[in-house]
N, C-alpha and C. Protein backbone atom coordinates (compact mmCIF):
# COMPACT_ATOMS: atom_id res chain seq x y z
N MET A 1 11.39 27.57 -35.98
CA MET A 1 10.30 27.20 -35.10
C MET A 1 9.45 28.45 -34.88
N GLY A 2 8.14 28.28 -35.07
CA GLY A 2 7.23 29.40 -34.92
C GLY A 2 6.87 29.65 -33.47
N VAL A 3 6.11 30.71 -33.25
CA VAL A 3 5.68 31.08 -31.90
C VAL A 3 4.80 29.99 -31.31
N ARG A 4 3.91 29.43 -32.11
CA ARG A 4 3.03 28.36 -31.61
C ARG A 4 3.84 27.13 -31.21
N SER A 5 4.81 26.74 -32.00
CA SER A 5 5.65 25.58 -31.68
C SER A 5 6.43 25.82 -30.39
N ALA A 6 6.98 27.02 -30.24
CA ALA A 6 7.74 27.34 -29.04
C ALA A 6 6.83 27.31 -27.82
N ALA A 7 5.61 27.83 -27.95
CA ALA A 7 4.66 27.82 -26.84
C ALA A 7 4.29 26.39 -26.47
N LEU A 8 4.08 25.55 -27.47
CA LEU A 8 3.73 24.15 -27.22
C LEU A 8 4.86 23.43 -26.50
N VAL A 9 6.09 23.68 -26.89
CA VAL A 9 7.24 23.07 -26.23
C VAL A 9 7.30 23.51 -24.78
N LEU A 10 7.07 24.79 -24.50
CA LEU A 10 7.09 25.28 -23.12
C LEU A 10 5.98 24.66 -22.28
N VAL A 11 4.77 24.52 -22.85
CA VAL A 11 3.66 23.91 -22.11
C VAL A 11 3.96 22.45 -21.81
N LEU A 12 4.46 21.71 -22.80
CA LEU A 12 4.78 20.30 -22.58
C LEU A 12 5.90 20.15 -21.56
N ALA A 13 6.89 21.00 -21.60
CA ALA A 13 7.97 20.94 -20.63
C ALA A 13 7.46 21.23 -19.22
N ALA A 14 6.57 22.20 -19.11
CA ALA A 14 6.00 22.53 -17.79
C ALA A 14 5.18 21.38 -17.26
N CYS A 15 4.41 20.72 -18.11
CA CYS A 15 3.60 19.57 -17.68
C CYS A 15 4.50 18.43 -17.20
N GLY A 16 5.58 18.19 -17.91
CA GLY A 16 6.51 17.13 -17.52
C GLY A 16 7.15 17.40 -16.18
N CYS A 17 7.49 18.67 -15.91
CA CYS A 17 8.11 19.02 -14.64
C CYS A 17 7.13 18.86 -13.49
N ALA A 18 5.90 19.28 -13.72
CA ALA A 18 4.90 19.18 -12.66
C ALA A 18 4.64 17.73 -12.30
N LYS A 19 4.58 16.86 -13.29
CA LYS A 19 4.29 15.47 -13.01
C LYS A 19 5.44 14.81 -12.26
N SER A 20 6.67 15.08 -12.65
CA SER A 20 7.80 14.44 -11.98
C SER A 20 8.01 15.01 -10.58
N GLY A 21 7.48 16.18 -10.29
CA GLY A 21 7.65 16.79 -8.98
C GLY A 21 6.55 16.46 -8.00
N THR A 22 5.60 15.60 -8.37
CA THR A 22 4.52 15.26 -7.46
C THR A 22 5.05 14.45 -6.29
N ILE A 23 4.37 14.56 -5.18
CA ILE A 23 4.78 13.88 -3.96
C ILE A 23 4.11 12.51 -3.91
N ALA A 24 4.91 11.47 -3.72
CA ALA A 24 4.38 10.11 -3.62
C ALA A 24 3.68 9.93 -2.28
N ALA A 25 2.64 9.11 -2.29
CA ALA A 25 1.92 8.82 -1.05
C ALA A 25 2.82 8.03 -0.10
N GLU A 26 2.64 8.25 1.20
CA GLU A 26 3.43 7.52 2.20
C GLU A 26 3.00 6.06 2.19
N PRO A 27 3.95 5.13 2.22
CA PRO A 27 3.58 3.72 2.23
C PRO A 27 3.07 3.30 3.60
N ALA A 28 2.39 2.16 3.62
CA ALA A 28 2.05 1.51 4.88
C ALA A 28 3.27 0.67 5.26
N ARG A 29 3.60 0.63 6.53
CA ARG A 29 4.71 -0.22 6.99
C ARG A 29 4.15 -1.17 8.04
N LEU A 30 4.37 -2.47 7.81
CA LEU A 30 3.79 -3.50 8.67
C LEU A 30 4.84 -4.10 9.59
N LYS A 31 4.60 -3.95 10.89
CA LYS A 31 5.45 -4.55 11.92
C LYS A 31 4.65 -5.70 12.52
N VAL A 32 5.24 -6.90 12.55
CA VAL A 32 4.52 -8.09 13.01
C VAL A 32 5.28 -8.71 14.18
N ILE A 33 4.59 -8.87 15.31
CA ILE A 33 5.14 -9.49 16.50
C ILE A 33 4.33 -10.76 16.76
N THR A 34 4.99 -11.91 16.81
CA THR A 34 4.26 -13.16 16.98
C THR A 34 4.84 -14.02 18.10
N SER A 35 4.00 -14.89 18.57
CA SER A 35 4.43 -15.96 19.46
C SER A 35 3.90 -17.24 18.83
N PRO A 36 4.78 -18.14 18.40
CA PRO A 36 6.22 -18.13 18.49
C PRO A 36 6.86 -17.09 17.57
N PRO A 37 8.03 -16.59 17.95
CA PRO A 37 8.64 -15.49 17.20
C PRO A 37 9.14 -15.85 15.80
N ASN A 38 9.32 -17.14 15.51
CA ASN A 38 9.87 -17.54 14.21
C ASN A 38 8.78 -17.78 13.15
N ALA A 39 7.57 -17.31 13.38
CA ALA A 39 6.46 -17.53 12.45
C ALA A 39 6.73 -16.88 11.09
N SER A 40 6.18 -17.50 10.05
CA SER A 40 6.27 -16.95 8.69
C SER A 40 5.04 -16.10 8.42
N VAL A 41 5.24 -14.98 7.74
CA VAL A 41 4.15 -14.05 7.44
C VAL A 41 3.97 -14.00 5.92
N TYR A 42 2.72 -14.16 5.50
CA TYR A 42 2.35 -14.08 4.08
C TYR A 42 1.36 -12.93 3.92
N VAL A 43 1.53 -12.13 2.89
CA VAL A 43 0.60 -11.03 2.60
C VAL A 43 0.12 -11.19 1.17
N ASP A 44 -1.19 -11.23 1.01
CA ASP A 44 -1.82 -11.40 -0.31
C ASP A 44 -1.30 -12.64 -1.02
N GLY A 45 -1.07 -13.71 -0.26
CA GLY A 45 -0.65 -14.98 -0.83
C GLY A 45 0.83 -15.10 -1.13
N HIS A 46 1.63 -14.09 -0.81
CA HIS A 46 3.06 -14.11 -1.08
C HIS A 46 3.84 -14.04 0.23
N TYR A 47 4.95 -14.79 0.27
CA TYR A 47 5.80 -14.75 1.46
C TYR A 47 6.29 -13.33 1.69
N PHE A 48 6.10 -12.84 2.92
CA PHE A 48 6.44 -11.46 3.28
C PHE A 48 7.68 -11.39 4.17
N GLY A 49 7.92 -12.47 4.94
CA GLY A 49 9.10 -12.51 5.80
C GLY A 49 8.83 -13.21 7.11
N ARG A 50 9.88 -13.38 7.89
CA ARG A 50 9.79 -13.94 9.24
C ARG A 50 9.37 -12.83 10.20
N ALA A 51 8.56 -13.20 11.17
CA ALA A 51 8.11 -12.21 12.15
C ALA A 51 9.29 -11.59 12.90
N THR A 52 10.32 -12.38 13.17
CA THR A 52 11.49 -11.83 13.89
C THR A 52 12.11 -10.67 13.11
N VAL A 53 12.13 -10.78 11.78
CA VAL A 53 12.69 -9.71 10.94
C VAL A 53 11.71 -8.53 10.87
N LEU A 54 10.42 -8.84 10.70
CA LEU A 54 9.40 -7.78 10.57
C LEU A 54 9.19 -7.02 11.87
N THR A 55 9.56 -7.62 13.00
CA THR A 55 9.49 -6.91 14.27
C THR A 55 10.56 -5.83 14.32
N ALA A 56 11.76 -6.18 13.86
CA ALA A 56 12.88 -5.24 13.90
C ALA A 56 12.85 -4.25 12.75
N GLU A 57 12.38 -4.70 11.57
CA GLU A 57 12.40 -3.86 10.37
C GLU A 57 11.05 -3.96 9.65
N PRO A 58 10.07 -3.13 10.03
CA PRO A 58 8.78 -3.17 9.34
C PRO A 58 8.96 -3.00 7.83
N LYS A 59 8.15 -3.72 7.07
CA LYS A 59 8.27 -3.75 5.62
C LYS A 59 7.15 -2.91 4.98
N ALA A 60 7.46 -2.23 3.88
CA ALA A 60 6.52 -1.33 3.22
C ALA A 60 5.53 -2.08 2.33
N LEU A 61 4.30 -1.58 2.32
CA LEU A 61 3.22 -2.07 1.47
C LEU A 61 2.44 -0.87 0.95
N VAL A 62 1.65 -1.09 -0.07
CA VAL A 62 0.73 -0.07 -0.55
C VAL A 62 -0.40 0.03 0.49
N PRO A 63 -0.78 1.23 0.94
CA PRO A 63 -1.90 1.33 1.86
C PRO A 63 -3.16 0.71 1.25
N GLY A 64 -4.01 0.16 2.11
CA GLY A 64 -5.25 -0.44 1.65
C GLY A 64 -5.48 -1.81 2.26
N ILE A 65 -6.37 -2.57 1.66
CA ILE A 65 -6.78 -3.87 2.20
C ILE A 65 -5.85 -4.97 1.71
N HIS A 66 -5.38 -5.78 2.66
CA HIS A 66 -4.48 -6.90 2.39
C HIS A 66 -4.92 -8.10 3.23
N LEU A 67 -4.69 -9.31 2.73
CA LEU A 67 -4.94 -10.53 3.48
C LEU A 67 -3.60 -11.03 4.02
N MET A 68 -3.52 -11.19 5.33
CA MET A 68 -2.30 -11.65 5.97
C MET A 68 -2.53 -13.03 6.58
N THR A 69 -1.57 -13.94 6.40
CA THR A 69 -1.59 -15.25 7.02
C THR A 69 -0.29 -15.42 7.78
N ILE A 70 -0.41 -15.91 9.02
CA ILE A 70 0.76 -16.17 9.85
C ILE A 70 0.77 -17.67 10.15
N GLN A 71 1.93 -18.30 9.90
CA GLN A 71 2.07 -19.75 10.10
C GLN A 71 3.35 -20.06 10.86
N ALA A 72 3.26 -21.09 11.70
CA ALA A 72 4.45 -21.60 12.39
C ALA A 72 4.27 -23.10 12.58
N GLU A 73 5.37 -23.80 12.58
CA GLU A 73 5.33 -25.25 12.77
C GLU A 73 4.66 -25.59 14.10
N ASP A 74 3.81 -26.62 14.07
CA ASP A 74 3.09 -27.13 15.25
C ASP A 74 2.09 -26.13 15.82
N HIS A 75 1.65 -25.16 15.00
CA HIS A 75 0.65 -24.17 15.42
C HIS A 75 -0.41 -24.02 14.33
N PHE A 76 -1.64 -23.69 14.74
CA PHE A 76 -2.68 -23.40 13.77
C PHE A 76 -2.34 -22.08 13.06
N PRO A 77 -2.56 -22.00 11.74
CA PRO A 77 -2.32 -20.73 11.05
C PRO A 77 -3.39 -19.70 11.44
N HIS A 78 -3.07 -18.45 11.25
CA HIS A 78 -4.01 -17.37 11.57
C HIS A 78 -4.13 -16.46 10.34
N ASP A 79 -5.37 -16.29 9.85
CA ASP A 79 -5.65 -15.41 8.71
C ASP A 79 -6.36 -14.17 9.21
N MET A 80 -6.05 -13.04 8.60
CA MET A 80 -6.79 -11.82 8.93
C MET A 80 -6.72 -10.83 7.78
N GLU A 81 -7.79 -10.05 7.65
CA GLU A 81 -7.83 -9.00 6.65
C GLU A 81 -7.41 -7.70 7.32
N LEU A 82 -6.48 -6.99 6.70
CA LEU A 82 -5.97 -5.73 7.24
C LEU A 82 -6.33 -4.60 6.31
N ASP A 83 -6.74 -3.48 6.86
CA ASP A 83 -6.91 -2.25 6.09
C ASP A 83 -5.83 -1.30 6.59
N LEU A 84 -4.68 -1.33 5.91
CA LEU A 84 -3.50 -0.61 6.37
C LEU A 84 -3.52 0.85 5.93
N PRO A 85 -3.40 1.77 6.89
CA PRO A 85 -3.28 3.19 6.55
C PRO A 85 -1.82 3.52 6.25
N PRO A 86 -1.53 4.68 5.69
CA PRO A 86 -0.14 5.09 5.55
C PRO A 86 0.52 5.17 6.93
N GLY A 87 1.81 4.89 6.99
CA GLY A 87 2.51 4.91 8.27
C GLY A 87 2.64 3.50 8.82
N GLU A 88 3.16 3.39 10.02
CA GLU A 88 3.44 2.09 10.63
C GLU A 88 2.24 1.52 11.37
N THR A 89 1.98 0.24 11.15
CA THR A 89 0.95 -0.51 11.87
C THR A 89 1.63 -1.72 12.51
N THR A 90 1.34 -1.94 13.79
CA THR A 90 1.90 -3.08 14.51
C THR A 90 0.80 -4.09 14.78
N ILE A 91 1.06 -5.35 14.41
CA ILE A 91 0.13 -6.45 14.65
C ILE A 91 0.82 -7.42 15.60
N THR A 92 0.15 -7.78 16.70
CA THR A 92 0.67 -8.74 17.65
C THR A 92 -0.27 -9.94 17.68
N ILE A 93 0.27 -11.14 17.41
CA ILE A 93 -0.54 -12.36 17.33
C ILE A 93 0.14 -13.48 18.12
N THR A 94 -0.65 -14.21 18.90
CA THR A 94 -0.18 -15.43 19.54
C THR A 94 -0.89 -16.59 18.86
N LEU A 95 -0.12 -17.44 18.19
CA LEU A 95 -0.69 -18.59 17.50
C LEU A 95 -1.02 -19.70 18.50
N ARG A 96 -2.11 -20.42 18.22
CA ARG A 96 -2.51 -21.53 19.10
C ARG A 96 -1.75 -22.78 18.70
N PRO A 97 -1.15 -23.48 19.70
CA PRO A 97 -0.44 -24.71 19.39
C PRO A 97 -1.42 -25.82 18.99
N ILE A 98 -0.98 -26.70 18.10
CA ILE A 98 -1.77 -27.87 17.72
C ILE A 98 -1.55 -28.90 18.83
N PRO A 99 -2.66 -29.43 19.40
CA PRO A 99 -2.50 -30.42 20.47
C PRO A 99 -1.78 -31.68 19.98
N PRO A 100 -1.05 -32.34 20.87
CA PRO A 100 -0.34 -33.56 20.48
C PRO A 100 -1.29 -34.70 20.13
């Protein structure tokens, strides 16, 4: 192996180490508190979890804009657009009951 080949191997190895050592961005964590507490939470059209679970254990998402829908039996659903920053965000929602 020549000097050029050895230098190329060292440069490629250094690039690989630098890339694997980069720090990942902090995720957004969504804590949802609802009334009624058993509401289902959907984010970007996918089931995200029960509010009772998300209250106790906020779930990670990529920071940025997301569409959240909260639904519960005998209540009107609630849609909202969220722009989640890194770190924990708490959303508190009271759903309106559907009249009898």
